[in-house]
Amino acid sequence: MVHLMLQHITTGKDRRNKPVWANEKYAPPCAYACPTHIPSHKRASLIRQGKLHEALELVLQYSPLPATVCGQICPNLCMQGCTRGQLDKPLSIDKYGRLAIDLPAPKTEKPSGHTIAVIGGGPGD
C-alpha cells in the first residue's frame, strides 16, 4: 500500500521525483553570448549584494580592462542574449562596466626583477 501511495506524492520530502538544479553545468545565455564568457549573472549578483570589489575581481579574471572594454567598446552581445529582455528589459551590463571606472584599481604584484622585451610592437615601441 505504501509503494502505491509514493507514486502519487508530488510534493514534500517524501516526493518521488526531485528536481536537480544544475545551474553551474551550463552557461546562461548572457555568459554564453559574451565573447570573453564573463559570468554576468554572477557579477550582477555580487553587485546586488554590495560586493563591488569581488565583482571587479571576477571580471578581472576574464578581462584586464573591464572599464574600457566591457563598458565602452563592447558590442554588448550579453545584453542581446539576456533572457530577462523577454520579461521587461535585459540587465544593463554596459553600465556595470562603466561603473568599474570609479572603482580603485587592484594592487599590483611586487616586481619580480625580471625584464621583458616586446618584439614587433610597431609604433608602440
PDB file of N, CA and C in Angstrom:
ATOM      1  N   MET A   1       0.822  -1.195   0.000  1.00  0.00           N
ATOM      2  CA  MET A   1       0.000   0.000   0.000  1.00  0.00           C
ATOM      3  C   MET A   1       0.867   1.260   0.000  1.00  0.00           C
ATOM      4  N   VAL A   2       1.990   1.219   0.735  1.00  0.00           N
ATOM      5  CA  VAL A   2       2.865   2.378   0.805  1.00  0.00           C
ATOM      6  C   VAL A   2       3.489   2.646  -0.557  1.00  0.00           C
ATOM      7  N   HIS A   3       3.891   1.598  -1.258  1.00  0.00           N
ATOM      8  CA  HIS A   3       4.502   1.752  -2.576  1.00  0.00           C
ATOM      9  C   HIS A   3       3.539   2.427  -3.556  1.00  0.00           C
ATOM     10  N   LEU A   4       2.287   2.058  -3.528  1.00  0.00           N
ATOM     11  CA  LEU A   4       1.307   2.661  -4.414  1.00  0.00           C
ATOM     12  C   LEU A   4       1.081   4.118  -4.066  1.00  0.00           C
ATOM     13  N   MET A   5       1.195   4.451  -2.797  1.00  0.00           N
ATOM     14  CA  MET A   5       0.956   5.813  -2.371  1.00  0.00           C
ATOM     15  C   MET A   5       2.129   6.730  -2.752  1.00  0.00           C
ATOM     16  N   LEU A   6       3.357   6.231  -2.745  1.00  0.00           N
ATOM     17  CA  LEU A   6       4.522   7.044  -3.041  1.00  0.00           C
ATOM     18  C   LEU A   6       4.512   7.586  -4.466  1.00  0.00           C
ATOM     19  N   GLN A   7       3.977   6.834  -5.389  1.00  0.00           N
ATOM     20  CA  GLN A   7       3.975   7.324  -6.768  1.00  0.00           C
ATOM     21  C   GLN A   7       3.057   8.523  -6.948  1.00  0.00           C
ATOM     22  N   HIS A   8       2.176   8.761  -6.028  1.00  0.00           N
ATOM     23  CA  HIS A   8       1.236   9.877  -6.143  1.00  0.00           C
ATOM     24  C   HIS A   8       1.675  11.090  -5.328  1.00  0.00           C
ATOM     25  N   ILE A   9       2.722  10.964  -4.518  1.00  0.00           N
ATOM     26  CA  ILE A   9       3.196  12.097  -3.727  1.00  0.00           C
ATOM     27  C   ILE A   9       4.099  12.943  -4.613  1.00  0.00           C
ATOM     28  N   THR A  10       3.676  14.171  -4.882  1.00  0.00           N
ATOM     29  CA  THR A  10       4.436  15.028  -5.795  1.00  0.00           C
ATOM     30  C   THR A  10       5.117  16.195  -5.096  1.00  0.00           C
ATOM     31  N   THR A  11       4.835  16.389  -3.818  1.00  0.00           N
ATOM     32  CA  THR A  11       5.459  17.494  -3.087  1.00  0.00           C
ATOM     33  C   THR A  11       5.983  16.993  -1.747  1.00  0.00           C
ATOM     34  N   GLY A  12       6.771  17.825  -1.088  1.00  0.00           N
ATOM     35  CA  GLY A  12       7.267  17.482   0.237  1.00  0.00           C
ATOM     36  C   GLY A  12       8.512  16.633   0.209  1.00  0.00           C
ATOM     37  N   LYS A  13       9.001  16.245   1.388  1.00  0.00           N
ATOM     38  CA  LYS A  13      10.259  15.495   1.469  1.00  0.00           C
ATOM     39  C   LYS A  13      10.117  14.054   1.005  1.00  0.00           C
ATOM     40  N   ASP A  14       8.899  13.527   0.952  1.00  0.00           N
ATOM     41  CA  ASP A  14       8.689  12.145   0.521  1.00  0.00           C
ATOM     42  C   ASP A  14       8.326  12.020  -0.956  1.00  0.00           C
ATOM     43  N   ARG A  15       8.403  13.088  -1.703  1.00  0.00           N
ATOM     44  CA  ARG A  15       8.022  13.019  -3.111  1.00  0.00           C
ATOM     45  C   ARG A  15       8.963  12.086  -3.869  1.00  0.00           C
ATOM     46  N   ARG A  16       8.457  11.528  -4.902  1.00  0.00           N
ATOM     47  CA  ARG A  16       9.196  10.507  -5.642  1.00  0.00           C
ATOM     48  C   ARG A  16      10.232  11.106  -6.585  1.00  0.00           C
ATOM     49  N   ASN A  17       9.869  12.136  -7.306  1.00  0.00           N
ATOM     50  CA  ASN A  17      10.780  12.777  -8.252  1.00  0.00           C
ATOM     51  C   ASN A  17      11.219  14.119  -7.683  1.00  0.00           C
ATOM     52  N   LYS A  18      12.517  14.276  -7.532  1.00  0.00           N
ATOM     53  CA  LYS A  18      13.053  15.530  -7.021  1.00  0.00           C
ATOM     54  C   LYS A  18      13.881  16.176  -8.127  1.00  0.00           C
ATOM     55  N   PRO A  19      13.610  17.456  -8.423  1.00  0.00           N
ATOM     56  CA  PRO A  19      14.376  18.122  -9.482  1.00  0.00           C
ATOM     57  C   PRO A  19      15.810  18.370  -9.039  1.00  0.00           C
ATOM     58  N   VAL A  20      16.709  18.320 -10.003  1.00  0.00           N
ATOM     59  CA  VAL A  20      18.115  18.597  -9.742  1.00  0.00           C
ATOM     60  C   VAL A  20      18.460  19.890 -10.464  1.00  0.00           C
ATOM     61  N   TRP A  21      18.945  20.865  -9.732  1.00  0.00           N
ATOM     62  CA  TRP A  21      19.289  22.150 -10.317  1.00  0.00           C
ATOM     63  C   TRP A  21      20.764  22.126 -10.689  1.00  0.00           C
ATOM     64  N   ALA A  22      21.052  22.100 -11.962  1.00  0.00           N
ATOM     65  CA  ALA A  22      22.429  22.060 -12.447  1.00  0.00           C
ATOM     66  C   ALA A  22      22.789  23.410 -13.057  1.00  0.00           C
ATOM     67  N   ASN A  23      22.650  24.475 -12.262  1.00  0.00           N
ATOM     68  CA  ASN A  23      22.840  25.829 -12.770  1.00  0.00           C
ATOM     69  C   ASN A  23      24.267  26.087 -13.234  1.00  0.00           C
ATOM     70  N   GLU A  24      25.250  25.500 -12.592  1.00  0.00           N
ATOM     71  CA  GLU A  24      26.638  25.748 -12.963  1.00  0.00           C
ATOM     72  C   GLU A  24      27.122  24.855 -14.099  1.00  0.00           C
ATOM     73  N   LYS A  25      26.306  23.892 -14.495  1.00  0.00           N
ATOM     74  CA  LYS A  25      26.725  22.976 -15.554  1.00  0.00           C
ATOM     75  C   LYS A  25      26.713  23.655 -16.918  1.00  0.00           C
ATOM     76  N   TYR A  26      25.755  24.526 -17.155  1.00  0.00           N
ATOM     77  CA  TYR A  26      25.619  25.206 -18.430  1.00  0.00           C
ATOM     78  C   TYR A  26      25.694  26.711 -18.210  1.00  0.00           C
ATOM     79  N   ALA A  27      26.276  27.406 -19.152  1.00  0.00           N
ATOM     80  CA  ALA A  27      26.366  28.859 -19.061  1.00  0.00           C
ATOM     81  C   ALA A  27      25.007  29.478 -19.390  1.00  0.00           C
ATOM     82  N   PRO A  28      24.602  30.514 -18.662  1.00  0.00           N
ATOM     83  CA  PRO A  28      23.359  31.203 -19.016  1.00  0.00           C
ATOM     84  C   PRO A  28      23.547  31.941 -20.344  1.00  0.00           C
ATOM     85  N   PRO A  29      22.461  32.331 -20.981  1.00  0.00           N
ATOM     86  CA  PRO A  29      22.569  32.957 -22.307  1.00  0.00           C
ATOM     87  C   PRO A  29      23.477  34.184 -22.342  1.00  0.00           C
ATOM     88  N   CYS A  30      23.495  34.972 -21.268  1.00  0.00           N
ATOM     89  CA  CYS A  30      24.335  36.170 -21.281  1.00  0.00           C
ATOM     90  C   CYS A  30      25.818  35.797 -21.295  1.00  0.00           C
ATOM     91  N   ALA A  31      26.226  34.868 -20.469  1.00  0.00           N
ATOM     92  CA  ALA A  31      27.632  34.457 -20.431  1.00  0.00           C
ATOM     93  C   ALA A  31      28.011  33.695 -21.695  1.00  0.00           C
ATOM     94  N   TYR A  32      27.075  32.955 -22.264  1.00  0.00           N
ATOM     95  CA  TYR A  32      27.347  32.214 -23.494  1.00  0.00           C
ATOM     96  C   TYR A  32      27.554  33.165 -24.673  1.00  0.00           C
ATOM     97  N   ALA A  33      26.783  34.246 -24.705  1.00  0.00           N
ATOM     98  CA  ALA A  33      26.871  35.201 -25.808  1.00  0.00           C
ATOM     99  C   ALA A  33      28.094  36.107 -25.700  1.00  0.00           C
ATOM    100  N   CYS A  34      28.650  36.242 -24.506  1.00  0.00           N
ATOM    101  CA  CYS A  34      29.811  37.118 -24.308  1.00  0.00           C
ATOM    102  C   CYS A  34      31.047  36.489 -24.943  1.00  0.00           C
ATOM    103  N   PRO A  35      31.780  37.242 -25.776  1.00  0.00           N
ATOM    104  CA  PRO A  35      32.987  36.676 -26.399  1.00  0.00           C
ATOM    105  C   PRO A  35      34.037  36.244 -25.381  1.00  0.00           C
ATOM    106  N   THR A  36      34.080  36.900 -24.225  1.00  0.00           N
ATOM    107  CA  THR A  36      35.054  36.519 -23.193  1.00  0.00           C
ATOM    108  C   THR A  36      34.424  35.621 -22.129  1.00  0.00           C
ATOM    109  N   HIS A  37      33.160  35.294 -22.276  1.00  0.00           N
ATOM    110  CA  HIS A  37      32.404  34.412 -21.366  1.00  0.00           C
ATOM    111  C   HIS A  37      32.436  34.897 -19.917  1.00  0.00           C
ATOM    112  N   ILE A  38      32.345  36.213 -19.731  1.00  0.00           N
ATOM    113  CA  ILE A  38      32.268  36.773 -18.383  1.00  0.00           C
ATOM    114  C   ILE A  38      30.927  36.355 -17.790  1.00  0.00           C
ATOM    115  N   PRO A  39      30.915  35.766 -16.599  1.00  0.00           N
ATOM    116  CA  PRO A  39      29.643  35.364 -15.982  1.00  0.00           C
ATOM    117  C   PRO A  39      28.896  36.582 -15.437  1.00  0.00           C
ATOM    118  N   SER A  40      28.178  37.251 -16.320  1.00  0.00           N
ATOM    119  CA  SER A  40      27.483  38.480 -15.945  1.00  0.00           C
ATOM    120  C   SER A  40      26.445  38.249 -14.863  1.00  0.00           C
ATOM    121  N   HIS A  41      25.853  37.072 -14.827  1.00  0.00           N
ATOM    122  CA  HIS A  41      24.857  36.771 -13.807  1.00  0.00           C
ATOM    123  C   HIS A  41      25.498  36.764 -12.417  1.00  0.00           C
ATOM    124  N   LYS A  42      26.730  36.256 -12.328  1.00  0.00           N
ATOM    125  CA  LYS A  42      27.423  36.262 -11.042  1.00  0.00           C
ATOM    126  C   LYS A  42      27.846  37.675 -10.665  1.00  0.00           C
ATOM    127  N   ARG A  43      28.274  38.438 -11.657  1.00  0.00           N
ATOM    128  CA  ARG A  43      28.671  39.820 -11.384  1.00  0.00           C
ATOM    129  C   ARG A  43      27.477  40.635 -10.907  1.00  0.00           C
ATOM    130  N   ALA A  44      26.323  40.468 -11.536  1.00  0.00           N
ATOM    131  CA  ALA A  44      25.120  41.187 -11.108  1.00  0.00           C
ATOM    132  C   ALA A  44      24.735  40.784  -9.688  1.00  0.00           C
ATOM    133  N   SER A  45      24.866  39.523  -9.366  1.00  0.00           N
ATOM    134  CA  SER A  45      24.545  39.052  -8.019  1.00  0.00           C
ATOM    135  C   SER A  45      25.484  39.676  -6.985  1.00  0.00           C
ATOM    136  N   LEU A  46      26.772  39.738  -7.295  1.00  0.00           N
ATOM    137  CA  LEU A  46      27.728  40.340  -6.369  1.00  0.00           C
ATOM    138  C   LEU A  46      27.456  41.831  -6.177  1.00  0.00           C
ATOM    139  N   ILE A  47      27.098  42.521  -7.247  1.00  0.00           N
ATOM    140  CA  ILE A  47      26.799  43.949  -7.142  1.00  0.00           C
ATOM    141  C   ILE A  47      25.546  44.168  -6.306  1.00  0.00           C
ATOM    142  N   ARG A  48      24.526  43.331  -6.490  1.00  0.00           N
ATOM    143  CA  ARG A  48      23.299  43.447  -5.673  1.00  0.00           C
ATOM    144  C   ARG A  48      23.593  43.234  -4.201  1.00  0.00           C
ATOM    145  N   GLN A  49      24.580  42.385  -3.900  1.00  0.00           N
ATOM    146  CA  GLN A  49      24.951  42.116  -2.509  1.00  0.00           C
ATOM    147  C   GLN A  49      25.876  43.188  -1.945  1.00  0.00           C
ATOM    148  N   GLY A  50      26.269  44.163  -2.772  1.00  0.00           N
ATOM    149  CA  GLY A  50      27.159  45.219  -2.318  1.00  0.00           C
ATOM    150  C   GLY A  50      28.624  44.823  -2.330  1.00  0.00           C
ATOM    151  N   LYS A  51      28.953  43.728  -2.981  1.00  0.00           N
ATOM    152  CA  LYS A  51      30.337  43.241  -3.041  1.00  0.00           C
ATOM    153  C   LYS A  51      30.991  43.738  -4.328  1.00  0.00           C
ATOM    154  N   LEU A  52      31.227  45.052  -4.402  1.00  0.00           N
ATOM    155  CA  LEU A  52      31.764  45.650  -5.617  1.00  0.00           C
ATOM    156  C   LEU A  52      33.187  45.181  -5.897  1.00  0.00           C
ATOM    157  N   HIS A  53      33.994  45.055  -4.862  1.00  0.00           N
ATOM    158  CA  HIS A  53      35.370  44.618  -5.060  1.00  0.00           C
ATOM    159  C   HIS A  53      35.413  43.192  -5.626  1.00  0.00           C
ATOM    160  N   GLU A  54      34.575  42.311  -5.100  1.00  0.00           N
ATOM    161  CA  GLU A  54      34.534  40.939  -5.601  1.00  0.00           C
ATOM    162  C   GLU A  54      34.026  40.892  -7.042  1.00  0.00           C
ATOM    163  N   ALA A  55      33.073  41.775  -7.375  1.00  0.00           N
ATOM    164  CA  ALA A  55      32.561  41.828  -8.749  1.00  0.00           C
ATOM    165  C   ALA A  55      33.659  42.268  -9.700  1.00  0.00           C
ATOM    166  N   LEU A  56      34.473  43.248  -9.296  1.00  0.00           N
ATOM    167  CA  LEU A  56      35.577  43.692 -10.135  1.00  0.00           C
ATOM    168  C   LEU A  56      36.620  42.594 -10.271  1.00  0.00           C
ATOM    169  N   GLU A  57      36.922  41.909  -9.175  1.00  0.00           N
ATOM    170  CA  GLU A  57      37.891  40.809  -9.235  1.00  0.00           C
ATOM    171  C   GLU A  57      37.420  39.706 -10.178  1.00  0.00           C
ATOM    172  N   LEU A  58      36.125  39.442 -10.172  1.00  0.00           N
ATOM    173  CA  LEU A  58      35.566  38.418 -11.052  1.00  0.00           C
ATOM    174  C   LEU A  58      35.786  38.795 -12.519  1.00  0.00           C
ATOM    175  N   VAL A  59      35.512  40.045 -12.862  1.00  0.00           N
ATOM    176  CA  VAL A  59      35.672  40.481 -14.243  1.00  0.00           C
ATOM    177  C   VAL A  59      37.147  40.503 -14.629  1.00  0.00           C
ATOM    178  N   LEU A  60      38.025  40.855 -13.698  1.00  0.00           N
ATOM    179  CA  LEU A  60      39.448  40.899 -13.995  1.00  0.00           C
ATOM    180  C   LEU A  60      40.013  39.516 -14.323  1.00  0.00           C
ATOM    181  N   GLN A  61      39.327  38.468 -13.906  1.00  0.00           N
ATOM    182  CA  GLN A  61      39.753  37.124 -14.271  1.00  0.00           C
ATOM    183  C   GLN A  61      39.544  36.861 -15.756  1.00  0.00           C
ATOM    184  N   TYR A  62      38.650  37.614 -16.381  1.00  0.00           N
ATOM    185  CA  TYR A  62      38.318  37.392 -17.784  1.00  0.00           C
ATOM    186  C   TYR A  62      38.819  38.511 -18.699  1.00  0.00           C
ATOM    187  N   SER A  63      38.920  39.726 -18.171  1.00  0.00           N
ATOM    188  CA  SER A  63      39.306  40.881 -18.979  1.00  0.00           C
ATOM    189  C   SER A  63      40.202  41.794 -18.156  1.00  0.00           C
ATOM    190  N   PRO A  64      41.387  42.135 -18.665  1.00  0.00           N
ATOM    191  CA  PRO A  64      42.271  43.022 -17.904  1.00  0.00           C
ATOM    192  C   PRO A  64      41.801  44.472 -17.904  1.00  0.00           C
ATOM    193  N   LEU A  65      40.884  44.835 -18.781  1.00  0.00           N
ATOM    194  CA  LEU A  65      40.416  46.216 -18.889  1.00  0.00           C
ATOM    195  C   LEU A  65      38.888  46.277 -18.791  1.00  0.00           C
ATOM    196  N   PRO A  66      38.316  46.003 -17.621  1.00  0.00           N
ATOM    197  CA  PRO A  66      36.857  45.910 -17.540  1.00  0.00           C
ATOM    198  C   PRO A  66      36.139  47.228 -17.778  1.00  0.00           C
ATOM    199  N   ALA A  67      36.736  48.342 -17.408  1.00  0.00           N
ATOM    200  CA  ALA A  67      36.046  49.616 -17.563  1.00  0.00           C
ATOM    201  C   ALA A  67      36.019  50.068 -19.015  1.00  0.00           C
ATOM    202  N   THR A  68      37.087  49.802 -19.754  1.00  0.00           N
ATOM    203  CA  THR A  68      37.129  50.270 -21.134  1.00  0.00           C
ATOM    204  C   THR A  68      36.530  49.259 -22.099  1.00  0.00           C
ATOM    205  N   VAL A  69      36.955  48.009 -22.005  1.00  0.00           N
ATOM    206  CA  VAL A  69      36.464  47.007 -22.943  1.00  0.00           C
ATOM    207  C   VAL A  69      34.996  46.702 -22.665  1.00  0.00           C
ATOM    208  N   CYS A  70      34.664  46.371 -21.422  1.00  0.00           N
ATOM    209  CA  CYS A  70      33.295  45.972 -21.099  1.00  0.00           C
ATOM    210  C   CYS A  70      32.339  47.161 -21.017  1.00  0.00           C
ATOM    211  N   GLY A  71      32.863  48.357 -20.780  1.00  0.00           N
ATOM    212  CA  GLY A  71      31.974  49.496 -20.614  1.00  0.00           C
ATOM    213  C   GLY A  71      31.893  50.430 -21.796  1.00  0.00           C
ATOM    214  N   GLN A  72      32.884  50.395 -22.685  1.00  0.00           N
ATOM    215  CA  GLN A  72      32.921  51.391 -23.749  1.00  0.00           C
ATOM    216  C   GLN A  72      32.830  50.792 -25.153  1.00  0.00           C
ATOM    217  N   ILE A  73      33.698  49.826 -25.474  1.00  0.00           N
ATOM    218  CA  ILE A  73      33.777  49.369 -26.869  1.00  0.00           C
ATOM    219  C   ILE A  73      33.102  48.029 -27.124  1.00  0.00           C
ATOM    220  N   CYS A  74      32.627  47.384 -26.107  1.00  0.00           N
ATOM    221  CA  CYS A  74      31.991  46.076 -26.275  1.00  0.00           C
ATOM    222  C   CYS A  74      30.642  46.232 -26.980  1.00  0.00           C
ATOM    223  N   PRO A  75      30.304  45.339 -27.924  1.00  0.00           N
ATOM    224  CA  PRO A  75      29.000  45.422 -28.584  1.00  0.00           C
ATOM    225  C   PRO A  75      27.857  44.897 -27.716  1.00  0.00           C
ATOM    226  N   ASN A  76      28.164  44.463 -26.493  1.00  0.00           N
ATOM    227  CA  ASN A  76      27.159  44.006 -25.525  1.00  0.00           C
ATOM    228  C   ASN A  76      26.300  42.871 -26.049  1.00  0.00           C
ATOM    229  N   LEU A  77      26.960  41.840 -26.544  1.00  0.00           N
ATOM    230  CA  LEU A  77      26.249  40.658 -27.002  1.00  0.00           C
ATOM    231  C   LEU A  77      25.544  39.961 -25.848  1.00  0.00           C
ATOM    232  N   CYS A  78      26.073  40.158 -24.626  1.00  0.00           N
ATOM    233  CA  CYS A  78      25.432  39.554 -23.461  1.00  0.00           C
ATOM    234  C   CYS A  78      24.038  40.141 -23.249  1.00  0.00           C
ATOM    235  N   MET A  79      23.897  41.424 -23.505  1.00  0.00           N
ATOM    236  CA  MET A  79      22.581  42.052 -23.336  1.00  0.00           C
ATOM    237  C   MET A  79      21.604  41.554 -24.399  1.00  0.00           C
ATOM    238  N   GLN A  80      22.113  41.270 -25.585  1.00  0.00           N
ATOM    239  CA  GLN A  80      21.243  40.735 -26.629  1.00  0.00           C
ATOM    240  C   GLN A  80      20.810  39.313 -26.296  1.00  0.00           C
ATOM    241  N   GLY A  81      21.681  38.559 -25.603  1.00  0.00           N
ATOM    242  CA  GLY A  81      21.359  37.187 -25.244  1.00  0.00           C
ATOM    243  C   GLY A  81      20.605  37.049 -23.940  1.00  0.00           C
ATOM    244  N   CYS A  82      20.461  38.143 -23.197  1.00  0.00           N
ATOM    245  CA  CYS A  82      19.813  38.102 -21.881  1.00  0.00           C
ATOM    246  C   CYS A  82      18.331  37.757 -22.016  1.00  0.00           C
ATOM    247  N   THR A  83      17.920  36.689 -21.368  1.00  0.00           N
ATOM    248  CA  THR A  83      16.515  36.271 -21.443  1.00  0.00           C
ATOM    249  C   THR A  83      15.615  37.170 -20.602  1.00  0.00           C
ATOM    250  N   ARG A  84      16.188  38.000 -19.774  1.00  0.00           N
ATOM    251  CA  ARG A  84      15.401  38.955 -18.989  1.00  0.00           C
ATOM    252  C   ARG A  84      14.664  39.918 -19.925  1.00  0.00           C
ATOM    253  N   GLY A  85      15.234  40.130 -21.112  1.00  0.00           N
ATOM    254  CA  GLY A  85      14.604  41.004 -22.092  1.00  0.00           C
ATOM    255  C   GLY A  85      13.244  40.507 -22.560  1.00  0.00           C
ATOM    256  N   GLN A  86      12.953  39.221 -22.376  1.00  0.00           N
ATOM    257  CA  GLN A  86      11.646  38.691 -22.749  1.00  0.00           C
ATOM    258  C   GLN A  86      10.575  39.076 -21.733  1.00  0.00           C
ATOM    259  N   LEU A  87      11.015  39.410 -20.498  1.00  0.00           N
ATOM    260  CA  LEU A  87      10.070  39.828 -19.469  1.00  0.00           C
ATOM    261  C   LEU A  87       9.875  41.340 -19.461  1.00  0.00           C
ATOM    262  N   ASP A  88      10.977  42.072 -19.364  1.00  0.00           N
ATOM    263  CA  ASP A  88      10.912  43.523 -19.378  1.00  0.00           C
ATOM    264  C   ASP A  88      12.079  44.108 -20.167  1.00  0.00           C
ATOM    265  N   LYS A  89      13.274  44.113 -19.594  1.00  0.00           N
ATOM    266  CA  LYS A  89      14.455  44.577 -20.328  1.00  0.00           C
ATOM    267  C   LYS A  89      15.681  43.849 -19.803  1.00  0.00           C
ATOM    268  N   PRO A  90      16.696  43.685 -20.648  1.00  0.00           N
ATOM    269  CA  PRO A  90      17.894  42.970 -20.199  1.00  0.00           C
ATOM    270  C   PRO A  90      18.664  43.773 -19.163  1.00  0.00           C
ATOM    271  N   LEU A  91      19.515  43.072 -18.422  1.00  0.00           N
ATOM    272  CA  LEU A  91      20.379  43.761 -17.465  1.00  0.00           C
ATOM    273  C   LEU A  91      21.295  44.720 -18.209  1.00  0.00           C
ATOM    274  N   SER A  92      21.580  45.857 -17.608  1.00  0.00           N
ATOM    275  CA  SER A  92      22.434  46.873 -18.232  1.00  0.00           C
ATOM    276  C   SER A  92      23.893  46.565 -17.936  1.00  0.00           C
ATOM    277  N   ILE A  93      24.412  45.549 -18.589  1.00  0.00           N
ATOM    278  CA  ILE A  93      25.778  45.116 -18.355  1.00  0.00           C
ATOM    279  C   ILE A  93      26.762  46.205 -18.774  1.00  0.00           C
ATOM    280  N   ASP A  94      26.419  46.978 -19.800  1.00  0.00           N
ATOM    281  CA  ASP A  94      27.314  48.049 -20.224  1.00  0.00           C
ATOM    282  C   ASP A  94      27.515  49.077 -19.117  1.00  0.00           C
ATOM    283  N   LYS A  95      26.486  49.331 -18.340  1.00  0.00           N
ATOM    284  CA  LYS A  95      26.620  50.277 -17.218  1.00  0.00           C
ATOM    285  C   LYS A  95      27.465  49.682 -16.092  1.00  0.00           C
ATOM    286  N   TYR A  96      27.379  48.368 -15.907  1.00  0.00           N
ATOM    287  CA  TYR A  96      28.251  47.727 -14.912  1.00  0.00           C
ATOM    288  C   TYR A  96      29.715  47.947 -15.268  1.00  0.00           C
ATOM    289  N   GLY A  97      30.028  47.828 -16.555  1.00  0.00           N
ATOM    290  CA  GLY A  97      31.400  48.044 -16.996  1.00  0.00           C
ATOM    291  C   GLY A  97      31.840  49.484 -16.788  1.00  0.00           C
ATOM    292  N   ARG A  98      30.951  50.427 -17.049  1.00  0.00           N
ATOM    293  CA  ARG A  98      31.302  51.840 -16.861  1.00  0.00           C
ATOM    294  C   ARG A  98      31.491  52.172 -15.387  1.00  0.00           C
ATOM    295  N   LEU A  99      30.765  51.497 -14.525  1.00  0.00           N
ATOM    296  CA  LEU A  99      30.922  51.739 -13.091  1.00  0.00           C
ATOM    297  C   LEU A  99      32.292  51.301 -12.591  1.00  0.00           C
ATOM    298  N   ALA A 100      32.921  50.391 -13.318  1.00  0.00           N
ATOM    299  CA  ALA A 100      34.238  49.911 -12.903  1.00  0.00           C
ATOM    300  C   ALA A 100      35.293  51.007 -12.986  1.00  0.00           C
ATOM    301  N   ILE A 101      35.020  52.079 -13.752  1.00  0.00           N
ATOM    302  CA  ILE A 101      35.970  53.189 -13.842  1.00  0.00           C
ATOM    303  C   ILE A 101      36.138  53.843 -12.476  1.00  0.00           C
ATOM    304  N   ASP A 102      35.059  53.931 -11.710  1.00  0.00           N
ATOM    305  CA  ASP A 102      35.105  54.605 -10.417  1.00  0.00           C
ATOM    306  C   ASP A 102      35.727  53.757  -9.309  1.00  0.00           C
ATOM    307  N   LEU A 103      35.833  52.455  -9.539  1.00  0.00           N
ATOM    308  CA  LEU A 103      36.422  51.594  -8.517  1.00  0.00           C
ATOM    309  C   LEU A 103      37.938  51.711  -8.531  1.00  0.00           C
ATOM    310  N   PRO A 104      38.564  51.621  -7.372  1.00  0.00           N
ATOM    311  CA  PRO A 104      40.032  51.687  -7.358  1.00  0.00           C
ATOM    312  C   PRO A 104      40.630  50.468  -8.042  1.00  0.00           C
ATOM    313  N   ALA A 105      41.740  50.695  -8.719  1.00  0.00           N
ATOM    314  CA  ALA A 105      42.424  49.603  -9.411  1.00  0.00           C
ATOM    315  C   ALA A 105      42.986  48.622  -8.395  1.00  0.00           C
ATOM    316  N   PRO A 106      43.032  47.340  -8.749  1.00  0.00           N
ATOM    317  CA  PRO A 106      43.603  46.369  -7.811  1.00  0.00           C
ATOM    318  C   PRO A 106      45.094  46.619  -7.615  1.00  0.00           C
ATOM    319  N   LYS A 107      45.596  46.184  -6.474  1.00  0.00           N
ATOM    320  CA  LYS A 107      47.016  46.360  -6.166  1.00  0.00           C
ATOM    321  C   LYS A 107      47.842  45.469  -7.094  1.00  0.00           C
ATOM    322  N   THR A 108      48.960  46.030  -7.540  1.00  0.00           N
ATOM    323  CA  THR A 108      49.838  45.263  -8.419  1.00  0.00           C
ATOM    324  C   THR A 108      50.753  44.375  -7.584  1.00  0.00           C
ATOM    325  N   GLU A 109      51.228  43.332  -8.216  1.00  0.00           N
ATOM    326  CA  GLU A 109      52.152  42.424  -7.548  1.00  0.00           C
ATOM    327  C   GLU A 109      53.507  43.098  -7.387  1.00  0.00           C
ATOM    328  N   LYS A 110      54.288  42.595  -6.458  1.00  0.00           N
ATOM    329  CA  LYS A 110      55.635  43.127  -6.263  1.00  0.00           C
ATOM    330  C   LYS A 110      56.485  42.803  -7.496  1.00  0.00           C
ATOM    331  N   PRO A 111      57.411  43.710  -7.848  1.00  0.00           N
ATOM    332  CA  PRO A 111      58.270  43.431  -9.007  1.00  0.00           C
ATOM    333  C   PRO A 111      59.079  42.165  -8.783  1.00  0.00           C
ATOM    334  N   SER A 112      59.187  41.381  -9.856  1.00  0.00           N
ATOM    335  CA  SER A 112      59.917  40.112  -9.759  1.00  0.00           C
ATOM    336  C   SER A 112      61.396  40.278 -10.059  1.00  0.00           C
ATOM    337  N   GLY A 113      61.777  41.425 -10.636  1.00  0.00           N
ATOM    338  CA  GLY A 113      63.171  41.630 -11.002  1.00  0.00           C
ATOM    339  C   GLY A 113      63.477  41.193 -12.422  1.00  0.00           C
ATOM    340  N   HIS A 114      62.531  40.555 -13.090  1.00  0.00           N
ATOM    341  CA  HIS A 114      62.727  40.114 -14.467  1.00  0.00           C
ATOM    342  C   HIS A 114      62.441  41.270 -15.417  1.00  0.00           C
ATOM    343  N   THR A 115      63.062  41.250 -16.564  1.00  0.00           N
ATOM    344  CA  THR A 115      62.790  42.247 -17.588  1.00  0.00           C
ATOM    345  C   THR A 115      62.072  41.579 -18.747  1.00  0.00           C
ATOM    346  N   ILE A 116      61.324  42.387 -19.469  1.00  0.00           N
ATOM    347  CA  ILE A 116      60.536  41.890 -20.588  1.00  0.00           C
ATOM    348  C   ILE A 116      60.867  42.719 -21.813  1.00  0.00           C
ATOM    349  N   ALA A 117      61.039  42.063 -22.942  1.00  0.00           N
ATOM    350  CA  ALA A 117      61.266  42.753 -24.207  1.00  0.00           C
ATOM    351  C   ALA A 117      60.071  42.495 -25.122  1.00  0.00           C
ATOM    352  N   VAL A 118      59.562  43.538 -25.750  1.00  0.00           N
ATOM    353  CA  VAL A 118      58.463  43.412 -26.691  1.00  0.00           C
ATOM    354  C   VAL A 118      59.049  43.488 -28.085  1.00  0.00           C
ATOM    355  N   ILE A 119      58.903  42.426 -28.845  1.00  0.00           N
ATOM    356  CA  ILE A 119      59.448  42.369 -30.200  1.00  0.00           C
ATOM    357  C   ILE A 119      58.290  42.523 -31.175  1.00  0.00           C
ATOM    358  N   GLY A 120      58.438  43.423 -32.106  1.00  0.00           N
ATOM    359  CA  GLY A 120      57.387  43.628 -33.103  1.00  0.00           C
ATOM    360  C   GLY A 120      56.253  44.458 -32.574  1.00  0.00           C
ATOM    361  N   GLY A 121      56.524  45.387 -31.688  1.00  0.00           N
ATOM    362  CA  GLY A 121      55.492  46.248 -31.118  1.00  0.00           C
ATOM    363  C   GLY A 121      55.063  47.365 -32.042  1.00  0.00           C
ATOM    364  N   GLY A 122      55.745  47.526 -33.174  1.00  0.00           N
ATOM    365  CA  GLY A 122      55.397  48.571 -34.131  1.00  0.00           C
ATOM    366  C   GLY A 122      55.593  49.946 -33.544  1.00  0.00           C
ATOM    367  N   PRO A 123      54.691  50.891 -33.845  1.00  0.00           N
ATOM    368  CA  PRO A 123      54.850  52.261 -33.349  1.00  0.00           C
ATOM    369  C   PRO A 123      54.815  52.363 -31.827  1.00  0.00           C
ATOM    370  N   GLY A 124      54.325  51.349 -31.167  1.00  0.00           N
ATOM    371  CA  GLY A 124      54.260  51.362 -29.701  1.00  0.00           C
ATOM    372  C   GLY A 124      55.607  51.131 -29.048  1.00  0.00           C
ATOM    373  N   ASP A 125      56.625  50.791 -29.846  1.00  0.00           N
ATOM    374  CA  ASP A 125      57.957  50.544 -29.284  1.00  0.00           C
ATOM    375  C   ASP A 125      58.544  51.751 -28.646  1.00  0.00           C
TER     376      ASP A 125
END
